[in-house]
Structures are given as C-alpha cells and as structure tokens.
Amino acid sequence: MTRSGFTRSSHATAAIFALSTCVIAAQGAQAPPPAAPAGQAPAQGRGGPPQPQTPPPPMSFFVTSTPIGKGGNLGGLAGADAHCQALATAAGAGNRTWRAYLSTQGPGAVNARDRIGKGPWVNVKGQSVARDLEHLHGDTLDLARLGNTLTRVTALNEKGEQMPGVPFPGSTTPNQHDILTGSQPDGRAYTDAADHTCNNWTSEDAGSAQLGHFDRTGGPGISWNAVHPSKGCSQQALIATGGVGLLYCFAPGDAK
C-alpha cells in the first residue's frame, strides 16, 4: 500500500472511532425523567404497586337498621331525627346532621322534601341515590321517566347491609320493605283530613301512616316514598302491613 493510501485509511478509521464515541456519549448523557412535583409520589412503571384510589364521598343517606319499636310513635320529628343521628353516630358518621324523611300534617305542616337538603346523596358505599331533590322525586316528566337510583341495591342501612325486602323465591326472611314517610310522591305533606302520619308520629294505636317501598317492589306502585297506608299505627300493625317501622335518613349537608 502507498503512503498516501495508508494515510487515507488511518484518517477514515479515526473518524469512525470518533463518531462511535460521540454516539455512546450522547446516549449516556440523556436527561433523566422529570422529577415528580413536590408532594406527589413518583409515577410507577407497569410493574409498580397500584396507586391509591380516591375514597368515596361520605355517606349522606341510609335506611335505619332498626326501628324505634313503638309503631308510629316516633316521638315526633325530633324523636325520629334523634334516632337517625344515633345510628349514624354508631356507624362513625355522627359529625353530620341527620334528618328523617317524614312529613307532618295540619297547621304548620312540614314537607319531608324540605328537611333533607338539596343533594346529592350517596349510601355508605358511595353509590348514588339521587343527584338532587328534583331527581329524587321525579319533579319533571323527563326526570320521572329517568327515575332516581334508590333501589334495593343502593338502599343500604348505615352499616352497609341490605335490608330484607320482598323475599326471593325460597327465602324465609320476612318482608320489611315498608318505610314510614307520611308523604305524597312529590315529598310533600297530605292536605286532606285523613291521617297519613300516625298523628304526626305520636300515635302507636289509632291512625295510619303512608309508606314507601325501599325495594321498589310490590303494592299498587313501585314508589320509594308513597305506595300505600299502613293497617294501623301499632308495632304489630306495621309488621302485618309489611314492615317494622324503618325510616329513611338523609344528611342535608350541615356539619355538627
């Protein structure tokens, strides 16, 4: 090989070596992935541990797990509210104000829908019951067709348990789907002369109470709050009708 050919070959070899060195250096100098913002855990790869999920919103609705036990005599609205509050407290949700979904009649009548806030409401598992008052009561034709999400599945008690409704075939569990409300389907009080509230929730003898079905099953309709009256106001009369004197409890959004 001539000296000029050897020189050209040496120069070419040196150039290739220099280029390879630059590529390796560039690969090694790639910037690391951006750091996570302050207070935020670094992103995990596909094989990393699962990220914590957002906790469900706090419970704002439940069916009482136990009745007061005196038929339609709840001690008035105050007694019914106290029962809701006590059960919520036992379940760890006593830091909010709780009210029973009940109407009263006569002078100074109270509408159940005016006692429970504006929504939304969820059960102990964070499942939706209704977005707002209008959705809960089907105030418009479209909302009535849509229906709220208060069903046998979502109408849980404060412990997260399903209450016994119309028994499934083969079940021996007694039906307890009647819920005391004293209300019309729109959540308002009755204005006629008949007793729909066991004398404004003070009678465990004479009178009657309007009832809803939490499981939306049986009776002349599938209303959650206004299906039929009870056979009387005693505890035995409520049991004979299909319930035990359970209540709907709502948190209107007020902290205690």
Protein backbone atom coordinates (compact mmCIF):
# COMPACT_ATOMS: atom_id res chain seq x y z
CA MET A 1 0.00 0.00 0.00
CA THR A 2 1.27 3.50 -0.77
CA ARG A 3 1.88 6.01 1.97
CA SER A 4 -0.98 8.19 0.70
CA GLY A 5 -3.40 5.20 0.76
CA PHE A 6 -2.32 4.25 4.28
CA THR A 7 -2.87 7.81 5.45
CA ARG A 8 -6.36 7.97 4.00
CA SER A 9 -7.28 4.64 5.64
CA SER A 10 -5.98 5.81 9.01
CA HIS A 11 -7.96 9.01 8.79
CA ALA A 12 -11.15 7.09 7.96
CA THR A 13 -10.64 4.69 10.89
CA ALA A 14 -10.09 7.60 13.26
CA ALA A 15 -13.23 9.35 12.03
CA ILE A 16 -15.37 6.22 12.55
CA PHE A 17 -13.95 5.76 16.07
CA ALA A 18 -14.64 9.41 16.93
CA LEU A 19 -18.23 9.17 15.64
CA SER A 20 -18.89 6.00 17.69
CA THR A 21 -17.53 7.69 20.79
CA CYS A 22 -19.86 10.67 20.29
CA VAL A 23 -22.93 8.40 19.89
CA ILE A 24 -22.12 6.47 23.08
CA ALA A 25 -21.51 9.69 24.98
CA ALA A 26 -24.79 11.17 23.76
CA GLN A 27 -26.73 8.07 24.84
CA GLY A 28 -25.17 8.15 28.28
CA ALA A 29 -25.91 11.84 28.68
CA GLN A 30 -29.67 11.61 28.10
CA ALA A 31 -31.58 13.64 30.66
CA PRO A 32 -33.29 11.62 33.44
CA PRO A 33 -37.12 11.62 33.53
CA PRO A 34 -38.57 14.77 35.09
CA ALA A 35 -38.96 14.66 38.85
CA ALA A 36 -42.46 14.39 40.29
CA PRO A 37 -43.92 17.65 41.65
CA ALA A 38 -43.44 18.29 45.35
CA GLY A 39 -45.79 16.21 47.48
CA GLN A 40 -46.58 13.78 44.65
CA ALA A 41 -45.27 10.24 44.55
CA PRO A 42 -43.15 9.31 41.52
CA ALA A 43 -45.02 7.55 38.75
CA GLN A 44 -44.78 3.79 38.93
CA GLY A 45 -43.94 1.60 36.00
CA ARG A 46 -46.16 -1.14 34.77
CA GLY A 47 -44.83 -3.48 37.43
CA GLY A 48 -45.12 -0.96 40.29
CA PRO A 49 -47.64 -1.08 43.13
CA PRO A 50 -51.20 0.15 42.39
CA GLN A 51 -51.92 3.78 43.06
CA PRO A 52 -54.32 4.59 45.93
CA GLN A 53 -57.89 5.21 44.82
CA THR A 54 -59.89 8.29 45.71
CA PRO A 55 -62.08 7.49 48.73
CA PRO A 56 -65.86 7.59 48.17
CA PRO A 57 -67.79 10.66 49.33
CA PRO A 58 -69.12 10.45 52.89
CA MET A 59 -72.43 8.68 53.47
CA SER A 60 -75.41 11.01 53.23
CA PHE A 61 -78.28 8.50 53.07
CA PHE A 62 -79.25 5.27 54.77
CA VAL A 63 -82.20 3.12 55.78
CA THR A 64 -82.36 2.61 59.53
CA SER A 65 -81.12 -0.82 60.54
CA THR A 66 -83.50 -0.95 63.50
CA PRO A 67 -86.87 0.69 64.27
CA ILE A 68 -87.67 2.76 67.33
CA GLY A 69 -90.10 -0.05 68.12
CA LYS A 70 -93.17 1.90 69.17
CA GLY A 71 -95.07 1.68 65.91
CA GLY A 72 -95.93 5.09 64.52
CA ASN A 73 -94.99 6.82 67.77
CA LEU A 74 -91.54 8.12 66.89
CA GLY A 75 -91.56 10.94 69.40
CA GLY A 76 -92.49 13.38 66.64
CA LEU A 77 -89.97 14.62 64.11
CA ALA A 78 -87.47 15.32 66.88
CA GLY A 79 -87.55 11.72 68.06
CA ALA A 80 -87.16 10.39 64.53
CA ASP A 81 -84.24 12.72 63.83
CA ALA A 82 -82.57 11.65 67.07
CA HIS A 83 -82.90 8.01 66.01
CA CYS A 84 -81.20 8.76 62.68
CA GLN A 85 -78.47 10.70 64.46
CA ALA A 86 -77.81 7.91 66.97
CA LEU A 87 -77.48 5.24 64.29
CA ALA A 88 -75.23 7.45 62.18
CA THR A 89 -73.04 8.16 65.21
CA ALA A 90 -72.70 4.46 65.95
CA ALA A 91 -71.60 3.97 62.32
CA GLY A 92 -68.95 6.71 62.57
CA ALA A 93 -70.94 9.36 60.71
CA GLY A 94 -72.17 11.41 63.65
CA ASN A 95 -70.23 14.51 62.66
CA ARG A 96 -73.06 15.47 60.30
CA THR A 97 -76.66 16.46 60.97
CA TRP A 98 -79.16 13.72 60.08
CA ARG A 99 -82.89 14.05 59.50
CA ALA A 100 -85.65 11.51 58.99
CA TYR A 101 -87.56 11.71 55.71
CA LEU A 102 -91.01 12.42 57.20
CA SER A 103 -93.87 14.82 56.56
CA THR A 104 -96.41 16.11 59.10
CA GLN A 105 -100.00 17.32 58.61
CA GLY A 106 -102.31 20.07 59.78
CA PRO A 107 -101.34 23.57 60.93
CA GLY A 108 -97.62 24.08 60.43
CA ALA A 109 -97.36 21.00 58.21
CA VAL A 110 -93.82 20.00 57.22
CA ASN A 111 -92.82 18.55 53.86
CA ALA A 112 -90.30 15.71 54.00
CA ARG A 113 -88.51 17.08 50.95
CA ASP A 114 -87.86 20.37 52.74
CA ARG A 115 -85.96 18.67 55.57
CA ILE A 116 -83.17 16.85 53.74
CA GLY A 117 -81.10 19.47 51.93
CA LYS A 118 -80.52 19.71 48.20
CA GLY A 119 -78.34 16.66 47.49
CA PRO A 120 -76.56 14.83 46.08
CA TRP A 121 -76.94 11.79 48.33
CA VAL A 122 -74.94 8.57 48.43
CA ASN A 123 -75.05 5.46 50.57
CA VAL A 124 -72.29 4.15 52.82
CA LYS A 125 -70.52 2.61 49.80
CA GLY A 126 -70.58 5.86 47.85
CA GLN A 127 -73.31 4.64 45.48
CA SER A 128 -75.63 7.36 44.21
CA VAL A 129 -79.20 7.58 45.48
CA ALA A 130 -80.14 10.85 43.77
CA ARG A 131 -78.44 13.93 42.37
CA ASP A 132 -80.83 16.48 43.85
CA LEU A 133 -84.38 16.98 45.09
CA GLU A 134 -85.81 17.07 41.58
CA HIS A 135 -84.09 13.82 40.61
CA LEU A 136 -85.13 12.16 43.88
CA HIS A 137 -88.81 12.99 43.40
CA GLY A 138 -89.08 12.97 39.60
CA ASP A 139 -90.31 16.56 39.52
CA THR A 140 -90.44 16.75 35.73
CA LEU A 141 -91.76 14.27 33.20
CA ASP A 142 -88.24 13.53 31.96
CA LEU A 143 -86.92 13.03 35.50
CA ALA A 144 -89.89 10.84 36.37
CA ARG A 145 -89.16 8.66 33.36
CA LEU A 146 -85.47 8.54 34.25
CA GLY A 147 -86.10 7.68 37.90
CA ASN A 148 -83.73 8.09 40.81
CA THR A 149 -81.18 5.44 41.80
CA LEU A 150 -82.77 4.49 45.12
CA THR A 151 -83.26 0.75 44.69
CA ARG A 152 -82.97 -2.48 46.63
CA VAL A 153 -79.24 -2.48 45.79
CA THR A 154 -78.49 1.08 46.93
CA ALA A 155 -80.95 1.42 49.85
CA LEU A 156 -78.46 0.11 52.39
CA ASN A 157 -78.56 0.63 56.13
CA GLU A 158 -75.92 2.64 57.98
CA LYS A 159 -73.77 -0.50 58.33
CA GLY A 160 -73.74 -1.13 54.60
CA GLU A 161 -76.17 -4.03 54.80
CA GLN A 162 -79.14 -4.76 52.57
CA MET A 163 -82.45 -4.75 54.40
CA PRO A 164 -84.99 -7.56 53.90
CA GLY A 165 -87.45 -6.68 51.19
CA VAL A 166 -89.92 -8.83 49.29
CA PRO A 167 -88.41 -12.31 49.72
CA PHE A 168 -86.79 -14.03 46.78
CA PRO A 169 -88.22 -17.46 45.87
CA GLY A 170 -87.31 -19.96 48.57
CA SER A 171 -86.36 -17.31 51.13
CA THR A 172 -87.84 -17.45 54.63
CA THR A 173 -86.80 -13.90 55.54
CA PRO A 174 -89.84 -11.79 56.45
CA ASN A 175 -90.66 -8.81 54.27
CA GLN A 176 -89.73 -5.48 55.86
CA HIS A 177 -89.73 -3.19 52.83
CA ASP A 178 -92.27 -0.66 54.18
CA ILE A 179 -90.67 2.67 55.13
CA LEU A 180 -92.54 5.32 57.13
CA THR A 181 -92.78 8.60 55.19
CA GLY A 182 -96.23 10.19 55.61
CA SER A 183 -95.62 11.80 52.26
CA GLN A 184 -97.04 12.14 48.79
CA PRO A 185 -94.87 11.03 45.83
CA ASP A 186 -93.52 14.57 45.42
CA GLY A 187 -92.30 14.57 49.03
CA ARG A 188 -94.95 16.96 50.29
CA ALA A 189 -97.46 16.60 53.12
CA TYR A 190 -101.05 15.45 52.60
CA THR A 191 -103.66 18.17 52.86
CA ASP A 192 -106.82 16.08 53.29
CA ALA A 193 -108.49 15.16 56.58
CA ALA A 194 -107.27 11.55 56.69
CA ASP A 195 -104.39 10.59 58.96
CA HIS A 196 -101.27 9.73 56.95
CA THR A 197 -98.71 10.30 59.73
CA CYS A 198 -99.91 8.41 62.83
CA ASN A 199 -100.98 11.72 64.36
CA ASN A 200 -97.76 13.42 63.35
CA TRP A 201 -95.66 10.50 64.57
CA THR A 202 -97.02 10.39 68.12
CA SER A 203 -99.54 7.51 67.91
CA GLU A 204 -98.89 3.81 68.36
CA ASP A 205 -102.56 2.92 68.23
CA ALA A 206 -105.15 4.80 66.16
CA GLY A 207 -104.45 6.20 62.73
CA SER A 208 -102.37 5.20 59.76
CA ALA A 209 -99.08 6.08 58.08
CA GLN A 210 -98.24 6.44 54.41
CA LEU A 211 -95.47 4.05 53.42
CA GLY A 212 -92.88 3.70 50.68
CA HIS A 213 -91.04 0.59 49.44
CA PHE A 214 -87.27 0.76 49.51
CA ASP A 215 -87.01 -2.25 47.19
CA ARG A 216 -89.42 -0.71 44.65
CA THR A 217 -91.38 -3.98 44.63
CA GLY A 218 -94.97 -4.96 45.37
CA GLY A 219 -98.09 -2.95 46.07
CA PRO A 220 -100.04 -0.80 43.62
CA GLY A 221 -96.90 1.08 42.56
CA ILE A 222 -93.12 0.99 42.78
CA SER A 223 -92.68 4.29 44.58
CA TRP A 224 -89.90 4.52 47.12
CA ASN A 225 -91.85 7.01 49.27
CA ALA A 226 -95.62 6.64 48.67
CA VAL A 227 -97.19 3.26 47.88
CA HIS A 228 -99.94 2.53 50.43
CA PRO A 229 -101.05 3.24 54.00
CA SER A 230 -100.33 1.03 56.99
CA LYS A 231 -103.05 -1.08 58.64
CA GLY A 232 -102.65 0.94 61.81
CA CYS A 233 -100.05 2.65 63.98
CA SER A 234 -99.15 -0.10 66.45
CA GLN A 235 -95.93 -2.05 66.02
CA GLN A 236 -97.94 -5.16 65.20
CA ALA A 237 -99.96 -3.29 62.59
CA LEU A 238 -96.78 -2.13 60.87
CA ILE A 239 -95.43 -5.68 60.86
CA ALA A 240 -98.71 -7.01 59.46
CA THR A 241 -98.55 -4.45 56.65
CA GLY A 242 -95.04 -5.43 55.55
CA GLY A 243 -92.54 -3.53 57.68
CA VAL A 244 -91.30 -2.80 61.18
CA GLY A 245 -91.23 1.00 61.28
CA LEU A 246 -87.98 1.74 59.45
CA LEU A 247 -87.03 5.23 58.25
CA TYR A 248 -85.05 6.92 55.51
CA CYS A 249 -82.32 9.14 56.95
CA PHE A 250 -80.67 11.93 54.96
CA ALA A 251 -77.79 14.27 55.74
CA PRO A 252 -78.76 17.73 54.47
CA GLY A 253 -75.13 18.81 54.37
CA ASP A 254 -74.87 20.52 57.76
CA ALA A 255 -71.82 19.70 59.87
CA LYS A 256 -72.43 19.37 63.59
